[in-house]
């Protein structure tokens, strides 16, 4: 897994390096804020007997910097809500006969760093894609559901500029942990 993360980071560095000529081309660099809300579907297996499975409201608060009209870097906080967690005990006859599993809500959130590529369709409409890493954390009363890790985050969407400062975006994202989210967001440029 670590070698995979190092390969992803290497690709991200190459893409950022390719943006240097675009930065020198006179683009008015922009800092922007993204606030998004939607639905997250989680189906993550934490161990052989512990899993997080359910839907809940998802939120994202992100800050980005546009190097060019085509490339940005973003950092975001993601809240995937509180889907259900199922904690079991080892599969032996005594455990399965008495308490097969415990169900409780799990708080699931994380921080991401990603590259965003934009493909303008018109002056006010563009398609975008994101790829990066998400450092996630799950918290619950049951120790089997307390976990953390780093996984690949990727997604795509469509963005519409309302004016020079504000825009709307609809995005679909997936985290390799097995979290899918669909969010509607507002972008504000500074």
Protein backbone atom coordinates (compact mmCIF):
# COMPACT_ATOMS: atom_id res chain seq x y z
CA UNK A 1 0.00 0.00 0.00
CA UNK A 2 2.83 2.43 0.81
CA UNK A 3 4.42 1.94 -2.61
CA UNK A 4 1.06 2.72 -4.23
CA UNK A 5 0.75 5.96 -2.21
CA UNK A 6 4.31 6.93 -3.17
CA UNK A 7 3.49 6.36 -6.85
CA UNK A 8 0.37 8.55 -6.56
CA UNK A 9 2.38 11.31 -4.87
CA UNK A 10 5.04 11.08 -7.60
CA UNK A 11 2.40 11.51 -10.30
CA UNK A 12 0.95 14.51 -8.43
CA UNK A 13 4.40 16.13 -8.27
CA UNK A 14 4.94 15.64 -12.01
CA UNK A 15 1.57 17.24 -12.78
CA UNK A 16 2.32 20.21 -10.51
CA UNK A 17 5.71 20.64 -12.21
CA UNK A 18 3.96 20.76 -15.57
CA UNK A 19 1.86 23.69 -14.31
CA UNK A 20 4.86 26.01 -13.91
CA UNK A 21 4.76 27.28 -17.54
CA UNK A 22 1.05 28.01 -17.18
CA UNK A 23 1.76 30.08 -14.06
CA UNK A 24 4.17 32.26 -16.03
CA UNK A 25 1.64 32.82 -18.84
CA UNK A 26 -0.12 35.68 -17.01
CA UNK A 27 -3.06 33.79 -15.53
CA UNK A 28 -4.67 35.69 -12.66
CA UNK A 29 -4.08 33.08 -9.95
CA UNK A 30 -7.02 32.52 -7.67
CA UNK A 31 -7.67 31.31 -4.16
CA UNK A 32 -11.11 29.79 -3.74
CA UNK A 33 -13.33 28.27 -1.08
CA UNK A 34 -15.65 25.29 -1.70
CA UNK A 35 -18.59 24.41 0.56
CA UNK A 36 -20.53 21.30 -0.48
CA UNK A 37 -23.21 19.01 0.93
CA UNK A 38 -24.78 15.79 -0.28
CA UNK A 39 -25.06 12.08 0.39
CA UNK A 40 -22.33 9.56 1.25
CA UNK A 41 -22.70 5.80 0.85
CA UNK A 42 -20.18 3.87 2.95
CA UNK A 43 -19.49 0.15 2.70
CA UNK A 44 -16.07 -0.20 4.35
CA UNK A 45 -14.73 -3.43 5.81
CA UNK A 46 -12.31 -2.59 8.63
CA UNK A 47 -11.50 -6.20 9.57
CA UNK A 48 -12.90 -9.69 9.13
CA UNK A 49 -15.68 -8.97 11.65
CA UNK A 50 -15.96 -5.13 11.71
CA UNK A 51 -17.50 -2.97 9.02
CA UNK A 52 -19.11 0.42 8.41
CA UNK A 53 -22.16 0.27 6.20
CA UNK A 54 -24.79 2.91 5.54
CA UNK A 55 -25.80 6.23 4.03
CA UNK A 56 -25.69 9.63 5.68
CA UNK A 57 -25.38 13.31 4.86
CA UNK A 58 -21.90 14.36 3.73
CA UNK A 59 -20.24 17.76 3.98
CA UNK A 60 -17.05 19.21 2.55
CA UNK A 61 -15.21 22.43 3.29
CA UNK A 62 -12.23 23.05 1.04
CA UNK A 63 -9.68 25.66 0.10
CA UNK A 64 -8.05 25.70 -3.31
CA UNK A 65 -5.45 27.54 -5.35
CA UNK A 66 -5.72 27.74 -9.14
CA UNK A 67 -2.35 27.71 -10.92
CA UNK A 68 -4.06 28.12 -14.29
CA UNK A 69 -7.56 27.80 -15.75
CA UNK A 70 -6.81 24.08 -16.05
CA UNK A 71 -5.06 23.06 -12.82
CA UNK A 72 -5.67 23.65 -9.11
CA UNK A 73 -4.55 22.15 -5.83
CA UNK A 74 -7.13 21.66 -3.06
CA UNK A 75 -7.17 20.82 0.62
CA UNK A 76 -10.48 19.81 2.19
CA UNK A 77 -12.15 18.58 5.34
CA UNK A 78 -14.73 15.83 4.66
CA UNK A 79 -17.49 14.76 7.04
CA UNK A 80 -19.16 11.56 5.83
CA UNK A 81 -21.76 11.60 8.62
CA UNK A 82 -22.49 8.78 11.02
CA UNK A 83 -23.26 5.58 9.11
CA UNK A 84 -23.88 2.36 10.99
CA UNK A 85 -20.97 0.28 12.17
CA UNK A 86 -21.20 -3.43 12.81
CA UNK A 87 -18.67 -4.85 15.26
CA UNK A 88 -18.49 -8.58 15.65
CA UNK A 89 -16.40 -10.89 17.70
CA UNK A 90 -14.20 -13.73 16.44
CA UNK A 91 -16.21 -16.47 14.80
CA UNK A 92 -16.31 -19.16 17.39
CA UNK A 93 -19.35 -21.05 18.61
CA UNK A 94 -19.68 -19.20 21.93
CA UNK A 95 -19.43 -15.71 20.41
CA UNK A 96 -21.84 -16.35 17.53
CA UNK A 97 -24.40 -17.98 19.85
CA UNK A 98 -24.42 -15.14 22.40
CA UNK A 99 -23.62 -11.84 20.60
CA UNK A 100 -23.21 -12.10 16.82
CA UNK A 101 -22.49 -8.35 16.37
CA UNK A 102 -23.09 -4.92 17.83
CA UNK A 103 -24.61 -2.11 15.74
CA UNK A 104 -23.84 1.56 16.44
CA UNK A 105 -23.31 4.83 14.63
CA UNK A 106 -19.74 5.64 13.62
CA UNK A 107 -18.41 9.16 13.09
CA UNK A 108 -16.44 9.13 9.82
CA UNK A 109 -14.39 12.10 8.61
CA UNK A 110 -11.07 13.02 7.07
CA UNK A 111 -8.71 15.52 5.44
CA UNK A 112 -7.69 15.43 1.78
CA UNK A 113 -5.09 16.94 -0.53
CA UNK A 114 -5.90 16.71 -4.22
CA UNK A 115 -5.18 18.02 -7.69
CA UNK A 116 -8.11 19.33 -9.69
CA UNK A 117 -8.03 19.43 -13.47
CA UNK A 118 -10.58 21.60 -15.34
CA UNK A 119 -11.76 21.29 -18.94
CA UNK A 120 -13.66 24.45 -19.97
CA UNK A 121 -16.71 23.72 -22.14
CA UNK A 122 -17.91 27.33 -22.42
CA UNK A 123 -17.01 30.62 -20.71
CA UNK A 124 -19.19 29.65 -17.74
CA UNK A 125 -19.32 25.84 -17.75
CA UNK A 126 -16.54 23.30 -17.18
CA UNK A 127 -15.93 19.66 -16.38
CA UNK A 128 -13.45 18.79 -13.64
CA UNK A 129 -11.71 15.79 -12.16
CA UNK A 130 -9.94 15.36 -8.81
CA UNK A 131 -7.32 12.92 -7.61
CA UNK A 132 -5.57 12.91 -4.27
CA UNK A 133 -5.25 11.28 -0.87
CA UNK A 134 -7.69 11.23 2.04
CA UNK A 135 -6.52 10.67 5.62
CA UNK A 136 -9.67 9.31 7.28
CA UNK A 137 -10.71 8.47 10.83
CA UNK A 138 -13.64 6.46 12.20
CA UNK A 139 -14.74 6.93 15.82
CA UNK A 140 -17.20 4.82 17.82
CA UNK A 141 -17.73 3.41 21.30
CA UNK A 142 -16.76 -0.08 20.17
CA UNK A 143 -12.96 -0.32 19.81
CA UNK A 144 -13.29 -2.53 16.72
CA UNK A 145 -14.85 0.40 14.84
CA UNK A 146 -12.14 2.92 15.80
CA UNK A 147 -9.76 3.00 12.88
CA UNK A 148 -7.85 5.37 10.61
CA UNK A 149 -5.92 5.23 7.37
CA UNK A 150 -5.00 6.94 4.12
CA UNK A 151 -6.69 6.06 0.84
CA UNK A 152 -6.90 7.30 -2.72
CA UNK A 153 -9.64 9.88 -3.44
CA UNK A 154 -10.84 10.54 -6.98
CA UNK A 155 -13.88 12.04 -8.62
CA UNK A 156 -15.41 14.15 -11.35
CA UNK A 157 -18.01 16.84 -11.71
CA UNK A 158 -19.42 19.80 -13.55
CA UNK A 159 -19.02 23.44 -12.52
CA UNK A 160 -20.99 26.52 -13.57
CA UNK A 161 -19.76 30.07 -12.94
CA UNK A 162 -22.53 32.43 -11.88
CA UNK A 163 -20.19 35.45 -12.06
CA UNK A 164 -16.49 36.23 -11.49
CA UNK A 165 -16.68 35.37 -7.77
CA UNK A 166 -19.32 32.66 -7.34
CA UNK A 167 -20.05 29.32 -8.93
CA UNK A 168 -21.94 26.07 -8.40
CA UNK A 169 -20.62 22.55 -8.79
CA UNK A 170 -22.02 19.03 -8.76
CA UNK A 171 -19.48 16.30 -8.00
CA UNK A 172 -19.18 12.56 -7.53
CA UNK A 173 -16.25 11.28 -5.46
CA UNK A 174 -14.98 7.88 -4.43
CA UNK A 175 -12.56 6.92 -1.68
CA UNK A 176 -10.83 3.54 -1.99
CA UNK A 177 -11.99 2.76 1.56
CA UNK A 178 -15.35 2.24 -0.23
CA UNK A 179 -17.08 5.58 0.28
CA UNK A 180 -19.08 7.08 -2.60
CA UNK A 181 -20.45 10.61 -2.32
CA UNK A 182 -22.56 12.90 -4.48
CA UNK A 183 -22.42 16.58 -3.48
CA UNK A 184 -23.72 19.94 -4.59
CA UNK A 185 -21.39 22.80 -3.75
CA UNK A 186 -20.78 26.52 -3.91
CA UNK A 187 -17.41 27.96 -4.93
CA UNK A 188 -16.30 31.45 -3.89
CA UNK A 189 -13.18 32.99 -5.44
CA UNK A 190 -11.06 35.61 -3.67
